[in-house]
Protein backbone atom coordinates (compact mmCIF):
# COMPACT_ATOMS: atom_id res chain seq x y z
CA UNK A 1 6.39 5.74 11.46
CA UNK A 2 5.10 2.52 9.89
CA UNK A 3 1.35 2.08 9.58
CA UNK A 4 -0.01 -1.48 9.34
CA UNK A 5 -3.14 -2.51 7.50
CA UNK A 6 -4.31 -6.10 8.15
CA UNK A 7 -6.82 -8.64 6.93
CA UNK A 8 -6.43 -12.18 8.25
CA UNK A 9 -2.82 -13.23 7.70
CA UNK A 10 -2.18 -10.49 5.14
CA UNK A 11 -0.36 -7.37 6.31
CA UNK A 12 0.47 -4.29 4.26
CA UNK A 13 2.89 -1.88 5.90
CA UNK A 14 3.40 1.67 4.68
CA UNK A 15 6.39 3.61 5.96
CA UNK A 16 5.05 7.13 6.40
CA UNK A 17 8.59 8.50 6.69
CA UNK A 18 9.17 7.38 3.08
CA UNK A 19 5.67 7.85 1.62
CA UNK A 20 5.32 11.14 -0.24
CA UNK A 21 1.77 10.57 -1.46
CA UNK A 22 2.88 10.22 -5.06
CA UNK A 23 -0.17 8.03 -5.73
CA UNK A 24 1.52 5.39 -7.89
CA UNK A 25 0.06 2.66 -5.69
CA UNK A 26 -3.42 4.13 -6.18
CA UNK A 27 -3.01 4.29 -9.96
CA UNK A 28 -1.44 0.85 -10.40
CA UNK A 29 -3.44 -1.33 -7.97
CA UNK A 30 -5.93 -3.31 -10.08
CA UNK A 31 -8.42 -3.74 -7.21
CA UNK A 32 -8.33 -0.24 -5.65
CA UNK A 33 -6.80 -1.15 -2.30
CA UNK A 34 -5.09 2.23 -1.88
CA UNK A 35 -6.09 5.86 -1.59
CA UNK A 36 -4.24 9.02 -0.61
CA UNK A 37 -5.48 10.57 2.61
CA UNK A 38 -3.86 13.63 4.17
CA UNK A 39 -0.89 13.29 1.82
CA UNK A 40 -0.11 9.64 2.61
CA UNK A 41 -1.20 6.29 1.15
CA UNK A 42 -3.62 4.13 3.08
CA UNK A 43 -4.63 0.54 2.32
CA UNK A 44 -8.38 0.82 2.82
CA UNK A 45 -9.52 -2.55 1.44
CA UNK A 46 -6.84 -5.07 2.38
CA UNK A 47 -9.34 -7.94 2.31
CA UNK A 48 -9.83 -7.39 -1.44
CA UNK A 49 -6.11 -7.62 -2.24
CA UNK A 50 -5.25 -10.20 -4.92
CA UNK A 51 -1.58 -10.34 -3.86
CA UNK A 52 -0.24 -9.24 -7.25
CA UNK A 53 2.50 -7.12 -5.61
CA UNK A 54 2.20 -4.32 -8.18
CA UNK A 55 2.11 -1.79 -5.34
CA UNK A 56 5.61 -2.75 -4.23
CA UNK A 57 7.04 -2.07 -7.68
CA UNK A 58 4.89 1.05 -8.24
CA UNK A 59 6.06 2.94 -5.15
CA UNK A 60 8.96 5.21 -6.13
CA UNK A 61 10.09 5.48 -2.49
CA UNK A 62 10.01 1.81 -1.43
CA UNK A 63 7.50 2.75 1.25
CA UNK A 64 5.26 -0.34 0.92
CA UNK A 65 5.94 -3.75 2.40
CA UNK A 66 3.50 -6.58 1.71
CA UNK A 67 3.46 -9.88 3.60
CA UNK A 68 2.69 -11.81 0.40
CA UNK A 69 5.45 -10.31 -1.73
């Protein structure tokens, strides 16, 4: 299951079949977009994203897709 988080034209997709809740996205995101909720990552503040794409590289399971990256 892929969960989409949107703000304007920006879309962050997290594949919950791949996400293990490792938390690398939470630790590496410089503007605190992510948090772990019920064992999966959520993008709670998409509108504050600076489009640095660190989350894509940080995820050990390739579970994050970002429209800007």
